[in-house]
Amino acid sequence: MSHPDEADLVYDWNGSRQVDPRERKIELDDETLRDGLQSPSVRTPEVEKKLEILHLMAEIGVDGADIGLPAANRQTFDDVLRLTREIVDQKLPIVPNAAARTVISDCEPIVEISQRAGIALEVAAFIGSSPIRQYAEAWDIDRLVQLTDEAVSFCTANGLPVMYVTEDTTRAKPDDLKRLYLTAVEAGARRVCVADTVGHATPQGAASVIRFVRALVDSTGEDVLVDWHGHRDRGLAIANALTAVIAGADRLHGTALGVGERVGNTQMDLLLVNLQLLGWIDRDLTKLSEYCRVVADATGVPFPDNYPVFGSDAFRTGTGVHAAAIIKAHEKGDDWLADRVYSSVPAALVGCRQRIDVGPMSGISNVVHWLKANGYTPDPELVQTVFERAKRSASVLSEEELHEICQGAISAA
């Protein structure tokens, strides 16, 4: 079925493409198996389940993954080693990294894992940077600079790449950030990470700090990449991540379903969908639904029905006006149109489909569509019986209820 060009059917107030993927590659780093497991409500998955999640990360097209903080305890060390070996043995297209406080004792286990697995495991060395954190911890900026130099130098001397992470960057003073980042780059870090650790930033703030850090590391003359790590305490994580890209960030961090400390991190699944719809990346996202379901099951995280794109209600409608438009598109024989006329996210993009339900807000067209889809002849009497029952219901009728109504009406005829 042919239809007009998409630009003629959807006027896009979101504006022109601001990031050209032909000129800049946007990378993604999945923090589900490290930062995501810091949530006080999640359970830590067994290593076999972590391996399943790691493979799904590869299938949805993330570039890197933080697979744990091996200095935390022996179990985490063993899991990080197992995950690293899986990446090597299965040749997974994922660059692994492991977290460490910016102290040599935290970096040493990562060196050991790298040597045993036969791969240079990137060290995500983090250190507090904001004045409020320094005041609470009784830290001195000179000491933080010294720790930075010692830890980064140790890692690079052992042949490991370093991503230097300043915690709470979005509340830190420019002069402190300048000292810390320049010390890290001089010691050999070739990636730095701006962390919105408590979800403080607005999109304007995210842009400002990324531009500042981008200019700072570029001034060194070294080839240094800039990451953005966001949290969603103010509900701005996706907006901040997209703004960070426009401002010059090379890689974005996120977790499945946004799991993480307090209310969580940037949602990797929604980030991928938005980047794809903006035309900034080109990935096969049909495994995203499975990725979300597996992580929800493995961690015990509730999966709300109204979660965007991946919740059970995302592509369902029981409203007559909405359903009528979708049904008319189907009647035109145009699945492309049916997937977009009442949805900004095409269901097929993530391996799902549109669904028409029957409930108190439904019209006759909902009933006729459901009957046809389920093998019933939509004669007027049956349609009216189902329609009247739906109008008396307090909620959408289940599949079982609809079949029961139809069977009862047929038996009584």
Protein backbone atom coordinates (compact mmCIF):
# COMPACT_ATOMS: atom_id res chain seq x y z
CA MET A 1 0.00 0.00 0.00
CA SER A 2 1.51 3.33 -1.02
CA HIS A 3 0.99 6.49 0.99
CA PRO A 4 2.29 10.09 0.89
CA ASP A 5 5.80 10.81 2.04
CA GLU A 6 6.18 10.79 5.83
CA ALA A 7 7.16 14.46 5.82
CA ASP A 8 3.76 15.25 4.28
CA LEU A 9 1.91 13.27 6.95
CA VAL A 10 3.87 14.34 10.06
CA TYR A 11 4.96 17.94 10.53
CA ASP A 12 7.93 17.73 12.86
CA TRP A 13 8.21 20.64 15.30
CA ASN A 14 11.23 18.92 16.83
CA GLY A 15 13.36 20.65 14.24
CA SER A 16 16.08 19.60 11.85
CA ARG A 17 18.71 16.98 12.61
CA GLN A 18 21.23 18.47 15.00
CA VAL A 19 23.62 15.52 15.06
CA ASP A 20 24.74 13.90 11.81
CA PRO A 21 25.67 10.23 12.41
CA ARG A 22 27.77 10.31 9.25
CA GLU A 23 30.05 12.85 10.91
CA ARG A 24 29.89 11.75 14.56
CA LYS A 25 29.37 8.36 16.13
CA ILE A 26 27.28 8.39 19.29
CA GLU A 27 28.36 5.62 21.65
CA LEU A 28 26.37 4.05 24.48
CA ASP A 29 27.64 2.58 27.75
CA ASP A 30 25.29 0.26 29.65
CA GLU A 31 25.52 0.57 33.45
CA THR A 32 22.78 -1.97 34.29
CA LEU A 33 25.14 -4.53 35.83
CA ARG A 34 26.96 -2.03 38.03
CA ASP A 35 25.29 1.31 38.72
CA GLY A 36 21.88 -0.22 38.12
CA LEU A 37 22.41 -2.77 40.89
CA GLN A 38 22.98 0.01 43.44
CA SER A 39 19.22 0.50 43.69
CA PRO A 40 18.06 -0.38 47.21
CA SER A 41 15.06 -2.19 45.73
CA VAL A 42 16.76 -4.57 43.29
CA ARG A 43 18.17 -8.03 43.82
CA THR A 44 21.56 -8.85 42.31
CA PRO A 45 21.16 -11.44 39.53
CA GLU A 46 23.12 -14.67 39.48
CA VAL A 47 26.05 -14.62 37.07
CA GLU A 48 24.21 -16.78 34.50
CA LYS A 49 21.46 -14.17 34.33
CA LYS A 50 24.09 -11.44 34.06
CA LEU A 51 25.52 -13.29 31.07
CA GLU A 52 22.08 -13.37 29.43
CA ILE A 53 21.71 -9.63 29.97
CA LEU A 54 25.22 -9.06 28.56
CA HIS A 55 24.29 -10.89 25.36
CA LEU A 56 21.10 -8.83 25.05
CA MET A 57 23.19 -5.68 25.41
CA ALA A 58 25.20 -6.82 22.42
CA GLU A 59 22.02 -7.48 20.44
CA ILE A 60 20.53 -4.03 21.07
CA GLY A 61 23.76 -2.41 19.96
CA VAL A 62 25.32 -0.79 23.03
CA ASP A 63 29.02 -0.13 22.58
CA GLY A 64 30.27 -0.57 26.12
CA ALA A 65 29.20 -1.97 29.46
CA ASP A 66 30.19 -1.34 33.06
CA ILE A 67 30.23 -4.88 34.44
CA GLY A 68 30.95 -4.26 38.10
CA LEU A 69 33.20 -2.94 40.83
CA PRO A 70 35.56 -5.88 41.45
CA ALA A 71 37.11 -4.37 44.58
CA ALA A 72 33.71 -4.53 46.33
CA ASN A 73 33.88 -8.23 47.30
CA ARG A 74 35.02 -11.63 46.04
CA GLN A 75 31.70 -12.46 44.39
CA THR A 76 31.73 -9.28 42.34
CA PHE A 77 35.36 -9.92 41.37
CA ASP A 78 34.45 -13.42 40.15
CA ASP A 79 31.42 -12.15 38.23
CA VAL A 80 33.43 -9.41 36.50
CA LEU A 81 36.07 -11.95 35.51
CA ARG A 82 33.39 -14.31 34.15
CA LEU A 83 31.68 -11.55 32.18
CA THR A 84 34.99 -10.32 30.77
CA ARG A 85 35.91 -13.82 29.64
CA GLU A 86 32.49 -14.18 28.00
CA ILE A 87 33.13 -11.03 25.96
CA VAL A 88 36.50 -12.41 24.88
CA ASP A 89 35.40 -16.01 24.24
CA GLN A 90 32.18 -15.12 22.40
CA LYS A 91 33.74 -12.13 20.63
CA LEU A 92 30.89 -9.89 21.78
CA PRO A 93 31.03 -6.41 20.20
CA ILE A 94 31.11 -4.70 23.59
CA VAL A 95 33.97 -2.77 25.17
CA PRO A 96 33.88 -3.65 28.89
CA ASN A 97 34.72 -1.33 31.73
CA ALA A 98 34.85 -1.83 35.49
CA ALA A 99 34.33 0.73 38.22
CA ALA A 100 36.88 1.73 40.84
CA ARG A 101 37.32 4.47 43.34
CA THR A 102 40.26 6.61 42.28
CA VAL A 103 42.68 4.77 44.52
CA ILE A 104 45.29 2.20 43.54
CA SER A 105 43.81 -0.52 45.78
CA ASP A 106 40.56 -0.43 43.76
CA CYS A 107 42.41 -0.47 40.46
CA GLU A 108 44.60 -3.48 41.26
CA PRO A 109 41.77 -6.08 40.92
CA ILE A 110 40.93 -4.68 37.47
CA VAL A 111 44.55 -5.12 36.40
CA GLU A 112 44.40 -8.74 37.60
CA ILE A 113 41.15 -9.44 35.75
CA SER A 114 42.52 -7.90 32.57
CA GLN A 115 45.62 -10.07 32.71
CA ARG A 116 43.64 -13.25 33.40
CA ALA A 117 41.01 -12.58 30.73
CA GLY A 118 43.43 -11.33 28.10
CA ILE A 119 41.71 -8.01 27.39
CA ALA A 120 42.43 -4.42 28.40
CA LEU A 121 39.50 -3.70 30.71
CA GLU A 122 38.72 0.02 30.82
CA VAL A 123 38.93 1.46 34.33
CA ALA A 124 36.02 3.74 35.26
CA ALA A 125 37.82 5.60 38.04
CA PHE A 126 35.40 7.84 39.96
CA ILE A 127 36.03 10.56 42.53
CA GLY A 128 33.85 13.19 44.20
CA SER A 129 34.21 16.69 42.84
CA SER A 130 31.50 19.02 44.19
CA PRO A 131 32.16 21.39 47.11
CA ILE A 132 29.19 19.97 49.05
CA ARG A 133 30.69 16.48 48.81
CA GLN A 134 34.13 17.77 49.75
CA TYR A 135 32.67 19.54 52.79
CA ALA A 136 30.70 16.48 53.95
CA GLU A 137 33.69 14.16 53.53
CA ALA A 138 36.30 16.65 54.85
CA TRP A 139 38.21 16.26 51.59
CA ASP A 140 40.86 18.64 50.31
CA ILE A 141 41.07 19.40 46.57
CA ASP A 142 44.85 18.98 46.65
CA ARG A 143 44.38 15.45 48.00
CA LEU A 144 41.83 14.65 45.28
CA VAL A 145 44.28 15.83 42.62
CA GLN A 146 47.02 13.66 44.15
CA LEU A 147 44.77 10.57 44.22
CA THR A 148 43.81 11.22 40.61
CA ASP A 149 47.41 11.38 39.46
CA GLU A 150 48.41 8.25 41.39
CA ALA A 151 45.48 6.05 40.32
CA VAL A 152 45.36 7.07 36.65
CA SER A 153 49.14 6.78 36.32
CA PHE A 154 49.01 3.30 37.89
CA CYS A 155 46.36 2.12 35.42
CA THR A 156 48.05 3.50 32.34
CA ALA A 157 51.41 2.08 33.46
CA ASN A 158 49.68 -1.32 33.51
CA GLY A 159 48.35 -0.85 29.98
CA LEU A 160 44.72 -0.15 30.90
CA PRO A 161 42.59 2.59 29.34
CA VAL A 162 41.02 4.98 31.84
CA MET A 163 37.68 6.74 31.90
CA TYR A 164 38.07 9.36 34.61
CA VAL A 165 34.72 10.10 36.28
CA THR A 166 34.07 13.15 38.45
CA GLU A 167 31.07 12.44 40.64
CA ASP A 168 28.52 15.25 41.05
CA THR A 169 30.13 17.18 38.19
CA THR A 170 26.96 19.20 37.65
CA ARG A 171 27.38 20.84 41.08
CA ALA A 172 31.17 21.22 40.98
CA LYS A 173 33.19 24.41 40.64
CA PRO A 174 34.84 25.05 37.25
CA ASP A 175 38.28 25.58 38.81
CA ASP A 176 38.12 22.25 40.65
CA LEU A 177 36.99 20.42 37.52
CA LYS A 178 39.80 22.03 35.57
CA ARG A 179 42.43 20.81 38.03
CA LEU A 180 41.00 17.31 38.25
CA TYR A 181 40.42 16.72 34.53
CA LEU A 182 43.73 18.20 33.40
CA THR A 183 45.57 16.06 35.98
CA ALA A 184 43.78 12.94 34.74
CA VAL A 185 44.53 13.69 31.09
CA GLU A 186 48.18 14.43 31.84
CA ALA A 187 48.37 11.08 33.69
CA GLY A 188 47.01 9.26 30.65
CA ALA A 189 43.19 9.22 30.82
CA ARG A 190 41.76 9.32 27.31
CA ARG A 191 38.11 9.46 28.30
CA VAL A 192 36.47 11.65 30.93
CA CYS A 193 32.94 11.40 32.26
CA VAL A 194 30.63 14.17 33.38
CA ALA A 195 28.34 12.70 36.04
CA ASP A 196 25.00 14.18 37.04
CA THR A 197 25.14 11.97 40.13
CA VAL A 198 22.09 13.32 41.94
CA GLY A 199 20.06 14.32 38.88
CA HIS A 200 20.61 18.03 39.52
CA ALA A 201 21.03 19.19 35.93
CA THR A 202 18.47 20.75 33.62
CA PRO A 203 19.04 20.47 29.86
CA GLN A 204 20.60 23.95 29.89
CA GLY A 205 22.91 22.90 32.71
CA ALA A 206 23.86 19.67 30.93
CA ALA A 207 24.78 21.62 27.82
CA SER A 208 26.82 24.17 29.78
CA VAL A 209 28.95 21.64 31.65
CA ILE A 210 29.55 19.46 28.59
CA ARG A 211 30.68 22.47 26.55
CA PHE A 212 33.01 23.48 29.38
CA VAL A 213 34.57 20.02 29.70
CA ARG A 214 34.73 19.53 25.93
CA ALA A 215 36.67 22.78 25.52
CA LEU A 216 38.89 21.93 28.48
CA VAL A 217 40.02 18.51 27.24
CA ASP A 218 40.33 19.74 23.66
CA SER A 219 42.73 22.43 24.90
CA THR A 220 45.19 19.70 25.93
CA GLY A 221 45.75 18.65 22.33
CA GLU A 222 45.12 15.03 23.32
CA ASP A 223 42.41 12.85 21.76
CA VAL A 224 40.09 12.69 24.77
CA LEU A 225 36.47 11.51 24.61
CA VAL A 226 33.71 12.93 26.80
CA ASP A 227 30.94 10.84 28.41
CA TRP A 228 27.63 11.88 30.00
CA HIS A 229 26.27 9.91 32.98
CA GLY A 230 22.83 11.05 34.12
CA HIS A 231 20.32 10.30 36.85
CA ARG A 232 16.60 11.04 36.83
CA ASP A 233 15.87 12.56 40.24
CA ARG A 234 14.11 15.48 38.54
CA GLY A 235 12.72 13.43 35.66
CA LEU A 236 15.04 15.07 33.12
CA ALA A 237 17.44 12.23 32.34
CA ILE A 238 16.47 11.59 28.70
CA ALA A 239 16.26 15.29 27.86
CA ASN A 240 19.64 15.91 29.49
CA ALA A 241 21.29 13.03 27.61
CA LEU A 242 20.02 14.25 24.25
CA THR A 243 21.16 17.79 25.05
CA ALA A 244 24.57 16.48 26.12
CA VAL A 245 25.05 14.91 22.68
CA ILE A 246 24.22 18.16 20.93
CA ALA A 247 26.68 19.95 23.22
CA GLY A 248 29.51 17.56 22.33
CA ALA A 249 29.31 14.38 24.42
CA ASP A 250 30.68 11.29 22.66
CA ARG A 251 29.11 8.57 24.80
CA LEU A 252 25.95 8.34 26.90
CA HIS A 253 25.40 6.10 29.91
CA GLY A 254 22.14 4.41 30.90
CA THR A 255 20.53 1.37 32.48
CA ALA A 256 17.67 -0.92 31.50
CA LEU A 257 14.38 0.56 32.72
CA GLY A 258 16.43 3.27 34.44
CA VAL A 259 17.28 1.02 37.40
CA GLY A 260 19.76 2.58 39.77
CA GLU A 261 20.31 4.41 43.03
CA ARG A 262 17.33 6.37 44.41
CA VAL A 263 14.93 6.78 41.45
CA GLY A 264 17.51 5.56 38.96
CA ASN A 265 19.59 6.40 35.92
CA THR A 266 18.89 7.45 32.36
CA GLN A 267 16.73 4.73 30.78
CA MET A 268 18.91 3.00 28.19
CA ASP A 269 15.89 1.51 26.40
CA LEU A 270 14.14 4.89 25.98
CA LEU A 271 17.44 6.56 25.11
CA LEU A 272 17.96 4.10 22.24
CA VAL A 273 14.42 4.65 20.96
CA ASN A 274 14.79 8.43 21.00
CA LEU A 275 18.21 8.40 19.34
CA GLN A 276 16.82 6.11 16.63
CA LEU A 277 13.74 8.27 16.01
CA LEU A 278 15.95 11.37 15.79
CA GLY A 279 18.05 9.64 13.14
CA TRP A 280 21.21 9.94 15.25
CA ILE A 281 21.83 6.18 15.35
CA ASP A 282 20.78 3.20 13.26
CA ARG A 283 20.32 0.03 15.34
CA ASP A 284 18.11 -3.04 15.30
CA LEU A 285 15.88 -2.44 18.34
CA THR A 286 13.60 -5.44 18.02
CA LYS A 287 15.25 -7.09 21.06
CA LEU A 288 14.68 -4.10 23.32
CA SER A 289 11.42 -5.45 24.74
CA GLU A 290 13.12 -8.70 25.70
CA TYR A 291 16.05 -6.78 27.23
CA CYS A 292 13.62 -4.86 29.46
CA ARG A 293 11.65 -7.96 30.47
CA VAL A 294 14.77 -9.99 31.31
CA VAL A 295 16.25 -7.20 33.45
CA ALA A 296 12.92 -6.61 35.22
CA ASP A 297 12.66 -10.32 36.02
CA ALA A 298 16.31 -10.71 37.03
CA THR A 299 16.34 -7.71 39.37
CA GLY A 300 12.76 -7.84 40.65
CA VAL A 301 12.06 -4.32 39.38
CA PRO A 302 8.35 -3.56 38.82
CA PHE A 303 7.48 -2.97 35.16
CA PRO A 304 4.59 -0.45 35.13
CA ASP A 305 1.84 -1.01 32.56
CA ASN A 306 2.21 2.61 31.42
CA TYR A 307 6.01 2.56 31.08
CA PRO A 308 6.80 4.34 27.79
CA VAL A 309 7.25 2.11 24.73
CA PHE A 310 7.74 -1.15 26.65
CA GLY A 311 4.90 -1.20 29.19
CA SER A 312 1.92 -3.46 28.41
CA ASP A 313 -0.27 -0.41 27.65
CA ALA A 314 2.21 1.29 25.30
CA PHE A 315 0.54 0.16 22.07
CA ARG A 316 -2.96 -0.63 23.36
CA THR A 317 -6.03 1.52 22.93
CA GLY A 318 -9.60 0.99 24.05
CA THR A 319 -10.73 4.50 23.13
CA GLY A 320 -13.15 4.67 20.21
CA VAL A 321 -11.75 7.72 18.40
CA HIS A 322 -8.17 6.51 18.65
CA ALA A 323 -8.99 2.95 17.66
CA ALA A 324 -11.10 4.11 14.70
CA ALA A 325 -8.12 5.88 13.14
CA ILE A 326 -5.91 2.80 13.54
CA ILE A 327 -8.62 0.51 12.16
CA LYS A 328 -9.21 2.75 9.13
CA ALA A 329 -5.49 2.63 8.40
CA HIS A 330 -5.58 -1.18 8.56
CA GLU A 331 -8.61 -1.19 6.24
CA LYS A 332 -6.53 0.79 3.74
CA GLY A 333 -4.09 -2.12 3.85
CA ASP A 334 -1.41 0.20 5.18
CA ASP A 335 0.36 -1.26 8.21
CA TRP A 336 2.91 1.58 8.15
CA LEU A 337 0.11 4.11 8.60
CA ALA A 338 -1.67 2.03 11.26
CA ASP A 339 1.55 1.93 13.28
CA ARG A 340 1.91 5.73 13.29
CA VAL A 341 -1.48 7.43 13.08
CA TYR A 342 -1.93 7.33 16.88
CA SER A 343 1.64 6.58 17.98
CA SER A 344 4.81 8.66 17.92
CA VAL A 345 6.81 5.46 18.34
CA PRO A 346 6.11 2.77 15.70
CA ALA A 347 5.43 -0.48 17.53
CA ALA A 348 7.31 -2.46 14.88
CA LEU A 349 10.49 -0.51 15.68
CA VAL A 350 10.79 -2.42 18.95
CA GLY A 351 9.29 -5.72 17.85
CA CYS A 352 5.74 -4.98 19.07
CA ARG A 353 2.35 -4.37 17.43
CA GLN A 354 -0.66 -2.13 17.87
CA ARG A 355 -3.56 -3.65 19.81
CA ILE A 356 -7.25 -2.65 19.84
CA ASP A 357 -9.11 -3.41 23.08
CA VAL A 358 -12.79 -3.23 24.00
CA GLY A 359 -13.95 -1.30 27.07
CA PRO A 360 -16.23 1.46 28.36
CA MET A 361 -14.56 4.13 26.18
CA SER A 362 -14.72 2.01 23.01
CA GLY A 363 -16.78 2.56 19.91
CA ILE A 364 -18.55 0.09 17.67
CA SER A 365 -15.44 -0.08 15.47
CA ASN A 366 -13.42 -1.53 18.38
CA VAL A 367 -15.95 -4.33 18.77
CA VAL A 368 -16.13 -5.12 15.05
CA HIS A 369 -12.33 -5.16 14.80
CA TRP A 370 -11.95 -7.49 17.79
CA LEU A 371 -14.60 -9.88 16.53
CA LYS A 372 -13.01 -10.13 13.09
CA ALA A 373 -9.54 -10.56 14.56
CA ASN A 374 -10.77 -13.42 16.74
CA GLY A 375 -12.73 -15.34 14.13
CA TYR A 376 -16.27 -14.17 14.93
CA THR A 377 -18.77 -12.93 12.34
CA PRO A 378 -19.63 -9.36 13.37
CA ASP A 379 -23.37 -9.59 12.87
CA PRO A 380 -25.29 -6.59 14.29
CA GLU A 381 -26.83 -8.47 17.23
CA LEU A 382 -23.51 -9.85 18.45
CA VAL A 383 -21.81 -6.48 17.99
CA GLN A 384 -24.51 -4.76 20.02
CA THR A 385 -24.33 -7.38 22.79
CA VAL A 386 -20.59 -6.95 23.20
CA PHE A 387 -20.82 -3.17 22.87
CA GLU A 388 -23.46 -2.84 25.59
CA ARG A 389 -21.55 -5.13 27.94
CA ALA A 390 -18.39 -3.06 27.40
CA LYS A 391 -20.21 0.17 28.19
CA ARG A 392 -21.34 -1.27 31.54
CA SER A 393 -17.82 -2.38 32.46
CA ALA A 394 -15.54 -0.36 34.76
CA SER A 395 -12.45 -1.37 32.77
CA VAL A 396 -11.26 -2.85 29.50
CA LEU A 397 -12.67 -6.34 29.00
CA SER A 398 -10.14 -9.17 29.09
CA GLU A 399 -9.78 -11.62 26.23
CA GLU A 400 -11.43 -14.29 28.40
CA GLU A 401 -14.40 -12.03 29.17
CA LEU A 402 -14.91 -11.17 25.51
CA HIS A 403 -14.84 -14.81 24.44
CA GLU A 404 -17.26 -15.67 27.24
CA ILE A 405 -19.68 -12.93 26.10
CA CYS A 406 -19.48 -14.08 22.49
CA GLN A 407 -19.96 -17.76 23.33
CA GLY A 408 -22.92 -16.93 25.54
CA ALA A 409 -24.55 -14.81 22.86
CA ILE A 410 -24.01 -17.47 20.21
CA SER A 411 -25.42 -20.21 22.44
CA ALA A 412 -28.49 -18.10 23.23
CA ALA A 413 -29.19 -17.33 19.59
